[in-house]
Amino acid sequence: MKVHLSNPSDLAKQFPITDRLPDWFFRITERSAGVYYVEGIDLRGRRVSSEGTDPDNALAESVAMARGIVKAAP
């Protein structure tokens, strides 16, 4: 299986939170008043997301999901 690696600098422009997990990029969007949506993507294009009323908790959930993906990957 061919794995396509994205350009980290391009991802960082769209997903500016880069300090939570190596090779993962995150962003937080306020979808409506007080409701936050967090998206994360890695260099292979794998994605995670979560939603909630606390942006920090939603980010922590997405980072935890991404960590699980990293641990499960060969």
PDB file of N, CA and C in Angstrom:
ATOM      1  N   MET A   1       0.844  -1.177   0.000  1.00  0.00           N
ATOM      2  CA  MET A   1       0.000   0.000   0.000  1.00  0.00           C
ATOM      3  C   MET A   1       0.889   1.239   0.000  1.00  0.00           C
ATOM      4  N   LYS A   2       0.624   2.132  -0.911  1.00  0.00           N
ATOM      5  CA  LYS A   2       1.390   3.370  -1.014  1.00  0.00           C
ATOM      6  C   LYS A   2       0.824   4.401  -0.029  1.00  0.00           C
ATOM      7  N   VAL A   3       1.704   4.999   0.738  1.00  0.00           N
ATOM      8  CA  VAL A   3       1.302   6.010   1.705  1.00  0.00           C
ATOM      9  C   VAL A   3       1.738   7.368   1.190  1.00  0.00           C
ATOM     10  N   HIS A   4       0.795   8.295   1.076  1.00  0.00           N
ATOM     11  CA  HIS A   4       1.098   9.647   0.614  1.00  0.00           C
ATOM     12  C   HIS A   4       1.375  10.532   1.820  1.00  0.00           C
ATOM     13  N   LEU A   5       2.551  11.116   1.858  1.00  0.00           N
ATOM     14  CA  LEU A   5       2.898  12.024   2.946  1.00  0.00           C
ATOM     15  C   LEU A   5       2.672  13.457   2.498  1.00  0.00           C
ATOM     16  N   SER A   6       1.930  14.189   3.298  1.00  0.00           N
ATOM     17  CA  SER A   6       1.647  15.591   2.997  1.00  0.00           C
ATOM     18  C   SER A   6       2.816  16.470   3.416  1.00  0.00           C
ATOM     19  N   ASN A   7       2.840  17.661   2.874  1.00  0.00           N
ATOM     20  CA  ASN A   7       3.864  18.632   3.211  1.00  0.00           C
ATOM     21  C   ASN A   7       3.528  19.260   4.570  1.00  0.00           C
ATOM     22  N   PRO A   8       4.411  19.119   5.564  1.00  0.00           N
ATOM     23  CA  PRO A   8       4.124  19.654   6.893  1.00  0.00           C
ATOM     24  C   PRO A   8       3.850  21.164   6.920  1.00  0.00           C
ATOM     25  N   SER A   9       4.555  21.934   6.118  1.00  0.00           N
ATOM     26  CA  SER A   9       4.341  23.390   6.159  1.00  0.00           C
ATOM     27  C   SER A   9       2.973  23.753   5.573  1.00  0.00           C
ATOM     28  N   ASP A  10       2.509  22.998   4.580  1.00  0.00           N
ATOM     29  CA  ASP A  10       1.168  23.236   4.045  1.00  0.00           C
ATOM     30  C   ASP A  10       0.099  22.880   5.069  1.00  0.00           C
ATOM     31  N   LEU A  11       0.288  21.755   5.755  1.00  0.00           N
ATOM     32  CA  LEU A  11      -0.679  21.363   6.780  1.00  0.00           C
ATOM     33  C   LEU A  11      -0.719  22.371   7.922  1.00  0.00           C
ATOM     34  N   ALA A  12       0.445  22.870   8.310  1.00  0.00           N
ATOM     35  CA  ALA A  12       0.513  23.806   9.429  1.00  0.00           C
ATOM     36  C   ALA A  12      -0.228  25.116   9.127  1.00  0.00           C
ATOM     37  N   LYS A  13      -0.337  25.468   7.866  1.00  0.00           N
ATOM     38  CA  LYS A  13      -1.093  26.674   7.508  1.00  0.00           C
ATOM     39  C   LYS A  13      -2.584  26.491   7.751  1.00  0.00           C
ATOM     40  N   GLN A  14      -3.083  25.292   7.509  1.00  0.00           N
ATOM     41  CA  GLN A  14      -4.505  25.011   7.686  1.00  0.00           C
ATOM     42  C   GLN A  14      -4.828  24.497   9.083  1.00  0.00           C
ATOM     43  N   PHE A  15      -3.876  23.823   9.703  1.00  0.00           N
ATOM     44  CA  PHE A  15      -4.044  23.228  11.031  1.00  0.00           C
ATOM     45  C   PHE A  15      -2.911  23.753  11.912  1.00  0.00           C
ATOM     46  N   PRO A  16      -3.066  24.944  12.493  1.00  0.00           N
ATOM     47  CA  PRO A  16      -1.942  25.631  13.145  1.00  0.00           C
ATOM     48  C   PRO A  16      -1.498  25.092  14.511  1.00  0.00           C
ATOM     49  N   ILE A  17      -2.241  24.191  15.109  1.00  0.00           N
ATOM     50  CA  ILE A  17      -1.818  23.643  16.405  1.00  0.00           C
ATOM     51  C   ILE A  17      -0.906  22.450  16.112  1.00  0.00           C
ATOM     52  N   THR A  18       0.378  22.655  16.284  1.00  0.00           N
ATOM     53  CA  THR A  18       1.365  21.662  15.850  1.00  0.00           C
ATOM     54  C   THR A  18       2.206  21.083  16.981  1.00  0.00           C
ATOM     55  N   ASP A  19       1.948  21.504  18.208  1.00  0.00           N
ATOM     56  CA  ASP A  19       2.832  21.131  19.313  1.00  0.00           C
ATOM     57  C   ASP A  19       2.278  20.045  20.230  1.00  0.00           C
ATOM     58  N   ARG A  20       1.236  19.347  19.813  1.00  0.00           N
ATOM     59  CA  ARG A  20       0.610  18.365  20.705  1.00  0.00           C
ATOM     60  C   ARG A  20       1.099  16.941  20.499  1.00  0.00           C
ATOM     61  N   LEU A  21       1.409  16.590  19.257  1.00  0.00           N
ATOM     62  CA  LEU A  21       1.810  15.228  18.926  1.00  0.00           C
ATOM     63  C   LEU A  21       2.648  15.289  17.647  1.00  0.00           C
ATOM     64  N   PRO A  22       3.813  14.643  17.626  1.00  0.00           N
ATOM     65  CA  PRO A  22       4.661  14.711  16.431  1.00  0.00           C
ATOM     66  C   PRO A  22       3.915  14.251  15.172  1.00  0.00           C
ATOM     67  N   ASP A  23       4.095  15.002  14.103  1.00  0.00           N
ATOM     68  CA  ASP A  23       3.517  14.710  12.788  1.00  0.00           C
ATOM     69  C   ASP A  23       1.991  14.819  12.730  1.00  0.00           C
ATOM     70  N   TRP A  24       1.379  15.405  13.750  1.00  0.00           N
ATOM     71  CA  TRP A  24      -0.065  15.654  13.767  1.00  0.00           C
ATOM     72  C   TRP A  24      -0.304  17.151  13.846  1.00  0.00           C
ATOM     73  N   PHE A  25      -1.391  17.582  13.204  1.00  0.00           N
ATOM     74  CA  PHE A  25      -1.743  18.996  13.101  1.00  0.00           C
ATOM     75  C   PHE A  25      -3.225  19.135  13.459  1.00  0.00           C
ATOM     76  N   PHE A  26      -3.552  20.137  14.273  1.00  0.00           N
ATOM     77  CA  PHE A  26      -4.915  20.308  14.763  1.00  0.00           C
ATOM     78  C   PHE A  26      -5.409  21.740  14.545  1.00  0.00           C
ATOM     79  N   ARG A  27      -6.730  21.884  14.505  1.00  0.00           N
ATOM     80  CA  ARG A  27      -7.337  23.219  14.473  1.00  0.00           C
ATOM     81  C   ARG A  27      -8.657  23.167  15.221  1.00  0.00           C
ATOM     82  N   ILE A  28      -9.039  24.330  15.766  1.00  0.00           N
ATOM     83  CA  ILE A  28     -10.292  24.471  16.507  1.00  0.00           C
ATOM     84  C   ILE A  28     -11.142  25.502  15.792  1.00  0.00           C
ATOM     85  N   THR A  29     -12.400  25.139  15.557  1.00  0.00           N
ATOM     86  CA  THR A  29     -13.345  26.044  14.919  1.00  0.00           C
ATOM     87  C   THR A  29     -14.573  26.165  15.818  1.00  0.00           C
ATOM     88  N   GLU A  30     -15.035  27.393  16.010  1.00  0.00           N
ATOM     89  CA  GLU A  30     -16.277  27.585  16.763  1.00  0.00           C
ATOM     90  C   GLU A  30     -17.429  27.483  15.758  1.00  0.00           C
ATOM     91  N   ARG A  31     -18.166  26.376  15.824  1.00  0.00           N
ATOM     92  CA  ARG A  31     -19.242  26.120  14.858  1.00  0.00           C
ATOM     93  C   ARG A  31     -20.470  26.968  15.114  1.00  0.00           C
ATOM     94  N   SER A  32     -20.790  27.136  16.364  1.00  0.00           N
ATOM     95  CA  SER A  32     -21.867  28.036  16.773  1.00  0.00           C
ATOM     96  C   SER A  32     -21.490  28.551  18.147  1.00  0.00           C
ATOM     97  N   ALA A  33     -22.280  29.440  18.684  1.00  0.00           N
ATOM     98  CA  ALA A  33     -21.922  30.079  19.957  1.00  0.00           C
ATOM     99  C   ALA A  33     -21.615  29.038  21.032  1.00  0.00           C
ATOM    100  N   GLY A  34     -20.359  28.956  21.412  1.00  0.00           N
ATOM    101  CA  GLY A  34     -19.947  28.078  22.493  1.00  0.00           C
ATOM    102  C   GLY A  34     -19.800  26.610  22.123  1.00  0.00           C
ATOM    103  N   VAL A  35     -19.864  26.267  20.862  1.00  0.00           N
ATOM    104  CA  VAL A  35     -19.688  24.878  20.427  1.00  0.00           C
ATOM    105  C   VAL A  35     -18.458  24.819  19.525  1.00  0.00           C
ATOM    106  N   TYR A  36     -17.496  24.030  19.949  1.00  0.00           N
ATOM    107  CA  TYR A  36     -16.206  23.972  19.264  1.00  0.00           C
ATOM    108  C   TYR A  36     -16.000  22.623  18.586  1.00  0.00           C
ATOM    109  N   TYR A  37     -15.421  22.676  17.402  1.00  0.00           N
ATOM    110  CA  TYR A  37     -15.129  21.484  16.619  1.00  0.00           C
ATOM    111  C   TYR A  37     -13.624  21.433  16.404  1.00  0.00           C
ATOM    112  N   VAL A  38     -13.022  20.323  16.771  1.00  0.00           N
ATOM    113  CA  VAL A  38     -11.577  20.142  16.630  1.00  0.00           C
ATOM    114  C   VAL A  38     -11.331  19.079  15.572  1.00  0.00           C
ATOM    115  N   GLU A  39     -10.433  19.398  14.655  1.00  0.00           N
ATOM    116  CA  GLU A  39     -10.019  18.456  13.628  1.00  0.00           C
ATOM    117  C   GLU A  39      -8.519  18.259  13.730  1.00  0.00           C
ATOM    118  N   GLY A  40      -8.090  17.046  13.484  1.00  0.00           N
ATOM    119  CA  GLY A  40      -6.669  16.751  13.448  1.00  0.00           C
ATOM    120  C   GLY A  40      -6.357  15.894  12.240  1.00  0.00           C
ATOM    121  N   ILE A  41      -5.166  16.067  11.698  1.00  0.00           N
ATOM    122  CA  ILE A  41      -4.717  15.290  10.539  1.00  0.00           C
ATOM    123  C   ILE A  41      -3.221  15.037  10.689  1.00  0.00           C
ATOM    124  N   ASP A  42      -2.793  13.892  10.195  1.00  0.00           N
ATOM    125  CA  ASP A  42      -1.358  13.618  10.227  1.00  0.00           C
ATOM    126  C   ASP A  42      -0.798  13.634   8.812  1.00  0.00           C
ATOM    127  N   LEU A  43       0.486  13.392   8.703  1.00  0.00           N
ATOM    128  CA  LEU A  43       1.151  13.456   7.404  1.00  0.00           C
ATOM    129  C   LEU A  43       0.659  12.387   6.428  1.00  0.00           C
ATOM    130  N   ARG A  44       0.052  11.332   6.944  1.00  0.00           N
ATOM    131  CA  ARG A  44      -0.482  10.266   6.090  1.00  0.00           C
ATOM    132  C   ARG A  44      -1.935  10.520   5.684  1.00  0.00           C
ATOM    133  N   GLY A  45      -2.525  11.582   6.208  1.00  0.00           N
ATOM    134  CA  GLY A  45      -3.903  11.893   5.873  1.00  0.00           C
ATOM    135  C   GLY A  45      -4.929  11.280   6.808  1.00  0.00           C
ATOM    136  N   ARG A  46      -4.483  10.621   7.861  1.00  0.00           N
ATOM    137  CA  ARG A  46      -5.425  10.072   8.850  1.00  0.00           C
ATOM    138  C   ARG A  46      -6.016  11.226   9.643  1.00  0.00           C
ATOM    139  N   ARG A  47      -7.304  11.123   9.967  1.00  0.00           N
ATOM    140  CA  ARG A  47      -8.016  12.233  10.608  1.00  0.00           C
ATOM    141  C   ARG A  47      -8.711  11.809  11.894  1.00  0.00           C
ATOM    142  N   VAL A  48      -8.817  12.773  12.800  1.00  0.00           N
ATOM    143  CA  VAL A  48      -9.609  12.630  14.016  1.00  0.00           C
ATOM    144  C   VAL A  48     -10.413  13.909  14.196  1.00  0.00           C
ATOM    145  N   SER A  49     -11.491  13.825  14.969  1.00  0.00           N
ATOM    146  CA  SER A  49     -12.265  15.037  15.267  1.00  0.00           C
ATOM    147  C   SER A  49     -13.068  14.827  16.536  1.00  0.00           C
ATOM    148  N   SER A  50     -13.406  15.929  17.172  1.00  0.00           N
ATOM    149  CA  SER A  50     -14.279  15.907  18.339  1.00  0.00           C
ATOM    150  C   SER A  50     -14.975  17.255  18.439  1.00  0.00           C
ATOM    151  N   GLU A  51     -16.017  17.286  19.242  1.00  0.00           N
ATOM    152  CA  GLU A  51     -16.824  18.492  19.376  1.00  0.00           C
ATOM    153  C   GLU A  51     -17.246  18.633  20.830  1.00  0.00           C
ATOM    154  N   GLY A  52     -17.363  19.864  21.288  1.00  0.00           N
ATOM    155  CA  GLY A  52     -17.805  20.094  22.655  1.00  0.00           C
ATOM    156  C   GLY A  52     -17.884  21.569  22.976  1.00  0.00           C
ATOM    157  N   THR A  53     -18.309  21.854  24.194  1.00  0.00           N
ATOM    158  CA  THR A  53     -18.455  23.246  24.616  1.00  0.00           C
ATOM    159  C   THR A  53     -17.176  23.806  25.232  1.00  0.00           C
ATOM    160  N   ASP A  54     -16.203  22.949  25.489  1.00  0.00           N
ATOM    161  CA  ASP A  54     -14.908  23.385  26.015  1.00  0.00           C
ATOM    162  C   ASP A  54     -13.839  23.076  24.962  1.00  0.00           C
ATOM    163  N   PRO A  55     -13.247  24.094  24.356  1.00  0.00           N
ATOM    164  CA  PRO A  55     -12.270  23.829  23.293  1.00  0.00           C
ATOM    165  C   PRO A  55     -11.051  23.050  23.758  1.00  0.00           C
ATOM    166  N   ASP A  56     -10.617  23.277  24.995  1.00  0.00           N
ATOM    167  CA  ASP A  56      -9.450  22.555  25.501  1.00  0.00           C
ATOM    168  C   ASP A  56      -9.746  21.066  25.662  1.00  0.00           C
ATOM    169  N   ASN A  57     -10.939  20.745  26.172  1.00  0.00           N
ATOM    170  CA  ASN A  57     -11.320  19.338  26.320  1.00  0.00           C
ATOM    171  C   ASN A  57     -11.491  18.667  24.963  1.00  0.00           C
ATOM    172  N   ALA A  58     -12.097  19.367  24.018  1.00  0.00           N
ATOM    173  CA  ALA A  58     -12.279  18.810  22.676  1.00  0.00           C
ATOM    174  C   ALA A  58     -10.928  18.558  22.027  1.00  0.00           C
ATOM    175  N   LEU A  59      -9.988  19.466  22.213  1.00  0.00           N
ATOM    176  CA  LEU A  59      -8.644  19.275  21.679  1.00  0.00           C
ATOM    177  C   LEU A  59      -7.967  18.085  22.346  1.00  0.00           C
ATOM    178  N   ALA A  60      -8.098  17.969  23.648  1.00  0.00           N
ATOM    179  CA  ALA A  60      -7.496  16.850  24.370  1.00  0.00           C
ATOM    180  C   ALA A  60      -8.070  15.513  23.888  1.00  0.00           C
ATOM    181  N   GLU A  61      -9.370  15.469  23.609  1.00  0.00           N
ATOM    182  CA  GLU A  61      -9.993  14.245  23.088  1.00  0.00           C
ATOM    183  C   GLU A  61      -9.424  13.882  21.723  1.00  0.00           C
ATOM    184  N   SER A  62      -9.277  14.866  20.859  1.00  0.00           N
ATOM    185  CA  SER A  62      -8.732  14.596  19.529  1.00  0.00           C
ATOM    186  C   SER A  62      -7.277  14.138  19.603  1.00  0.00           C
ATOM    187  N   VAL A  63      -6.511  14.749  20.466  1.00  0.00           N
ATOM    188  CA  VAL A  63      -5.107  14.341  20.631  1.00  0.00           C
ATOM    189  C   VAL A  63      -5.045  12.905  21.161  1.00  0.00           C
ATOM    190  N   ALA A  64      -5.923  12.568  22.098  1.00  0.00           N
ATOM    191  CA  ALA A  64      -5.952  11.199  22.630  1.00  0.00           C
ATOM    192  C   ALA A  64      -6.320  10.190  21.538  1.00  0.00           C
ATOM    193  N   MET A  65      -7.271  10.546  20.682  1.00  0.00           N
ATOM    194  CA  MET A  65      -7.623   9.660  19.566  1.00  0.00           C
ATOM    195  C   MET A  65      -6.436   9.485  18.622  1.00  0.00           C
ATOM    196  N   ALA A  66      -5.745  10.579  18.342  1.00  0.00           N
ATOM    197  CA  ALA A  66      -4.580  10.517  17.458  1.00  0.00           C
ATOM    198  C   ALA A  66      -3.487   9.646  18.071  1.00  0.00           C
ATOM    199  N   ARG A  67      -3.279   9.752  19.380  1.00  0.00           N
ATOM    200  CA  ARG A  67      -2.286   8.917  20.044  1.00  0.00           C
ATOM    201  C   ARG A  67      -2.652   7.437  19.888  1.00  0.00           C
ATOM    202  N   GLY A  68      -3.943   7.139  19.998  1.00  0.00           N
ATOM    203  CA  GLY A  68      -4.393   5.764  19.820  1.00  0.00           C
ATOM    204  C   GLY A  68      -4.091   5.253  18.418  1.00  0.00           C
ATOM    205  N   ILE A  69      -4.268   6.105  17.428  1.00  0.00           N
ATOM    206  CA  ILE A  69      -3.956   5.725  16.044  1.00  0.00           C
ATOM    207  C   ILE A  69      -2.467   5.464  15.895  1.00  0.00           C
ATOM    208  N   VAL A  70      -1.654   6.317  16.486  1.00  0.00           N
ATOM    209  CA  VAL A  70      -0.204   6.159  16.405  1.00  0.00           C
ATOM    210  C   VAL A  70       0.227   4.841  17.052  1.00  0.00           C
ATOM    211  N   LYS A  71      -0.344   4.519  18.212  1.00  0.00           N
ATOM    212  CA  LYS A  71       0.014   3.276  18.906  1.00  0.00           C
ATOM    213  C   LYS A  71      -0.430   2.046  18.126  1.00  0.00           C
ATOM    214  N   ALA A  72      -1.568   2.140  17.441  1.00  0.00           N
ATOM    215  CA  ALA A  72      -2.107   0.987  16.716  1.00  0.00           C
ATOM    216  C   ALA A  72      -1.416   0.758  15.376  1.00  0.00           C
ATOM    217  N   ALA A  73      -0.768   1.787  14.848  1.00  0.00           N
ATOM    218  CA  ALA A  73      -0.124   1.672  13.538  1.00  0.00           C
ATOM    219  C   ALA A  73       1.132   0.810  13.643  1.00  0.00           C
ATOM    220  N   PRO A  74       1.385   0.000  12.613  1.00  0.00           N
ATOM    221  CA  PRO A  74       2.592  -0.844  12.634  1.00  0.00           C
ATOM    222  C   PRO A  74       3.865  -0.040  12.498  1.00  0.00           C
TER     223      PRO A  74
END
